[in-house]
Amino acid sequence: MIKNYYRVLGLADNAEDVVIRATFKLLAHRHHPDKCLENPNIANQRMAQINESYNTLSDASLKAVYDNKRGSYTANSDFYRTLGVLDNVDTLMIHAAYKALAKKYQQLPNLPLSAERLIEIHQAHQTLTDPTRRKAYDMQQRASYYLFRSNQGSNLSLWKIYLLYNVIFYVFVGLIYLLI
């Protein structure tokens, strides 16, 4: 089985080179053996994994070979994929990814695509750095995943159950309103 270098760095499969570099710097600073004096063996192992991942993903030819071995990713339109990070990363990783991407796309000529990309990046950053908005966003993403996924072996999906529940609820509320 192939190691998942993206997961070691806390990145999504579509992470751009500037995000890879920024997260490597952050993780190298955080997990450097000189900073983790209580357990240097674990720190050395973690730093070796981080270095191996970064060396593969930062070199374009090695990354292409690695991505071909792993297969392609499925591009979703969510805020985590916009920033190129996983959904379990902390706020510092989100800030690092945002700053790297914003710097990259601000330096590009004024193309409509780079302006649209900057807006997407900014919206993702605003939502994912605010704990309340991030929690609501995560709950919405999970709910939409489960609502649109149909059950195995039956034609009854959670989406249909949700619609049925709403119909029954509003009919019940309407009857109570008429009786009062």
Protein backbone atom coordinates (compact mmCIF):
# COMPACT_ATOMS: atom_id res chain seq x y z
CA MET A 1 0.00 0.00 0.00
CA ILE A 2 1.25 3.45 -0.92
CA LYS A 3 1.84 5.97 1.86
CA ASN A 4 -0.54 8.91 1.78
CA TYR A 5 1.83 11.87 1.74
CA TYR A 6 -1.05 14.32 1.50
CA ARG A 7 -2.56 13.02 4.74
CA VAL A 8 0.81 13.21 6.52
CA LEU A 9 0.90 16.93 5.74
CA GLY A 10 -2.83 17.38 6.42
CA LEU A 11 -3.60 18.27 2.81
CA ALA A 12 -6.31 17.42 0.33
CA ASP A 13 -5.31 15.62 -2.88
CA ASN A 14 -5.70 18.81 -4.90
CA ALA A 15 -3.36 20.96 -2.78
CA GLU A 16 -1.34 23.49 -4.75
CA ASP A 17 2.43 23.84 -4.49
CA VAL A 18 2.27 27.00 -2.35
CA VAL A 19 -0.02 25.28 0.16
CA ILE A 20 2.31 22.27 0.29
CA ARG A 21 5.26 24.54 1.04
CA ALA A 22 3.38 26.57 3.67
CA THR A 23 2.07 23.53 5.54
CA PHE A 24 5.51 21.90 5.45
CA LYS A 25 7.05 24.97 7.08
CA LEU A 26 4.35 25.04 9.74
CA LEU A 27 4.61 21.32 10.51
CA ALA A 28 8.41 21.36 10.47
CA HIS A 29 8.38 24.19 12.97
CA ARG A 30 5.75 22.47 15.12
CA HIS A 31 7.29 18.95 15.12
CA HIS A 32 11.01 19.72 15.00
CA PRO A 33 12.97 17.41 17.35
CA ASP A 34 14.57 20.40 19.09
CA LYS A 35 11.10 21.62 20.11
CA CYS A 36 9.80 18.21 21.29
CA LEU A 37 12.36 17.42 23.98
CA GLU A 38 10.10 15.11 26.01
CA ASN A 39 10.11 12.38 23.34
CA PRO A 40 12.83 12.87 20.70
CA ASN A 41 12.36 9.45 19.06
CA ILE A 42 8.74 10.13 18.14
CA ALA A 43 9.66 13.65 17.03
CA ASN A 44 12.41 12.27 14.77
CA GLN A 45 10.01 9.72 13.22
CA ARG A 46 7.34 12.35 12.65
CA MET A 47 9.87 14.76 11.14
CA ALA A 48 11.16 12.01 8.83
CA GLN A 49 7.58 11.39 7.61
CA ILE A 50 7.04 15.12 7.06
CA ASN A 51 10.32 15.47 5.14
CA GLU A 52 9.63 12.40 2.99
CA SER A 53 6.16 13.69 2.16
CA TYR A 54 7.38 17.18 1.34
CA ASN A 55 10.28 15.93 -0.80
CA THR A 56 7.88 13.87 -2.91
CA LEU A 57 5.09 16.44 -3.21
CA SER A 58 7.31 19.49 -3.79
CA ASP A 59 9.10 17.98 -6.81
CA ALA A 60 6.78 18.18 -9.83
CA SER A 61 8.04 15.00 -11.50
CA LEU A 62 7.97 12.92 -8.29
CA LYS A 63 4.51 14.28 -7.48
CA ALA A 64 3.21 13.33 -10.94
CA VAL A 65 4.52 9.77 -10.56
CA TYR A 66 3.10 9.55 -7.04
CA ASP A 67 -0.32 10.86 -8.12
CA ASN A 68 -0.43 8.39 -11.03
CA LYS A 69 0.29 5.50 -8.66
CA ARG A 70 -2.42 6.61 -6.24
CA GLY A 71 -5.05 7.45 -8.84
CA SER A 72 -6.95 10.64 -9.36
CA TYR A 73 -8.93 12.52 -6.79
CA THR A 74 -12.55 13.55 -7.04
CA ALA A 75 -12.92 17.30 -7.08
CA ASN A 76 -15.61 18.50 -4.72
CA SER A 77 -16.65 22.08 -4.41
CA ASP A 78 -16.23 22.64 -0.71
CA PHE A 79 -14.19 25.08 1.33
CA TYR A 80 -11.62 22.53 2.50
CA ARG A 81 -10.80 21.53 -1.08
CA THR A 82 -10.70 25.21 -2.07
CA LEU A 83 -7.88 25.74 0.41
CA GLY A 84 -6.38 22.31 -0.28
CA VAL A 85 -6.53 21.06 3.32
CA LEU A 86 -8.25 18.20 5.12
CA ASP A 87 -11.31 18.78 7.27
CA ASN A 88 -9.50 17.93 10.51
CA VAL A 89 -6.73 20.55 10.35
CA ASP A 90 -6.40 23.34 12.88
CA THR A 91 -6.82 27.06 12.32
CA LEU A 92 -3.08 27.68 11.90
CA MET A 93 -2.97 25.31 8.93
CA ILE A 94 -5.99 27.05 7.40
CA HIS A 95 -4.31 30.44 7.85
CA ALA A 96 -1.08 29.16 6.27
CA ALA A 97 -2.94 27.73 3.27
CA TYR A 98 -4.98 30.93 2.87
CA LYS A 99 -1.95 33.22 3.01
CA ALA A 100 -0.02 31.11 0.50
CA LEU A 101 -2.92 30.93 -1.97
CA ALA A 102 -3.85 34.59 -1.59
CA LYS A 103 -0.25 35.63 -2.24
CA LYS A 104 -0.07 33.40 -5.31
CA TYR A 105 -3.30 34.63 -6.88
CA GLN A 106 -2.71 38.30 -6.03
CA GLN A 107 0.55 38.18 -7.98
CA LEU A 108 -1.16 36.91 -11.11
CA PRO A 109 -2.25 39.44 -13.73
CA ASN A 110 -5.80 40.69 -13.38
CA LEU A 111 -7.51 37.76 -15.02
CA PRO A 112 -11.18 37.05 -14.27
CA LEU A 113 -10.28 33.50 -13.17
CA SER A 114 -7.75 34.66 -10.59
CA ALA A 115 -10.25 37.20 -9.20
CA GLU A 116 -12.91 34.47 -8.88
CA ARG A 117 -10.38 32.16 -7.25
CA LEU A 118 -9.43 34.88 -4.74
CA ILE A 119 -13.09 35.33 -3.80
CA GLU A 120 -13.48 31.56 -3.28
CA ILE A 121 -10.33 31.44 -1.16
CA HIS A 122 -11.44 34.40 0.94
CA GLN A 123 -14.92 32.91 1.56
CA ALA A 124 -13.39 29.58 2.55
CA HIS A 125 -10.97 31.29 4.93
CA GLN A 126 -13.69 33.40 6.57
CA THR A 127 -15.91 30.39 7.13
CA LEU A 128 -13.26 27.95 8.34
CA THR A 129 -11.44 30.29 10.73
CA ASP A 130 -14.56 31.30 12.65
CA PRO A 131 -15.32 28.36 15.01
CA THR A 132 -19.09 28.90 14.96
CA ARG A 133 -19.33 29.20 11.19
CA ARG A 134 -16.98 26.24 10.71
CA LYS A 135 -19.08 24.03 12.98
CA ALA A 136 -22.27 25.02 11.14
CA TYR A 137 -20.55 24.45 7.78
CA ASP A 138 -19.31 21.00 8.85
CA MET A 139 -22.77 20.03 10.07
CA GLN A 140 -24.31 21.19 6.78
CA GLN A 141 -21.75 19.23 4.75
CA ARG A 142 -22.37 16.06 6.77
CA ALA A 143 -26.15 16.47 6.55
CA SER A 144 -26.07 16.99 2.79
CA TYR A 145 -23.84 13.93 2.42
CA TYR A 146 -26.26 11.72 4.32
CA LEU A 147 -29.42 13.22 2.82
CA PHE A 148 -28.44 12.60 -0.77
CA ARG A 149 -26.93 9.18 -0.21
CA SER A 150 -29.46 6.42 -0.76
CA ASN A 151 -29.65 3.34 1.46
CA GLN A 152 -28.34 0.00 0.26
CA GLY A 153 -30.98 -2.45 -0.91
CA SER A 154 -33.94 -0.10 -0.72
CA ASN A 155 -35.31 2.78 -2.69
CA LEU A 156 -35.80 4.86 0.47
CA SER A 157 -33.18 7.56 0.98
CA LEU A 158 -32.70 9.92 3.89
CA TRP A 159 -33.70 12.76 1.60
CA LYS A 160 -37.12 11.15 1.07
CA ILE A 161 -37.51 10.53 4.80
CA TYR A 162 -36.67 14.19 5.45
CA LEU A 163 -39.29 15.36 2.94
CA LEU A 164 -41.90 13.01 4.41
CA TYR A 165 -41.11 14.29 7.89
CA ASN A 166 -41.57 17.91 6.74
CA VAL A 167 -44.90 17.16 5.09
CA ILE A 168 -46.23 15.39 8.19
CA PHE A 169 -44.94 18.13 10.47
CA TYR A 170 -46.54 20.98 8.53
CA VAL A 171 -49.84 19.12 8.15
CA PHE A 172 -49.85 18.56 11.91
CA VAL A 173 -49.03 22.21 12.63
CA GLY A 174 -51.74 23.31 10.17
CA LEU A 175 -54.34 21.12 11.90
CA ILE A 176 -53.43 22.50 15.31
CA TYR A 177 -53.64 26.04 13.92
CA LEU A 178 -57.12 25.36 12.51
CA LEU A 179 -58.35 23.83 15.78
CA ILE A 180 -57.17 26.73 17.91
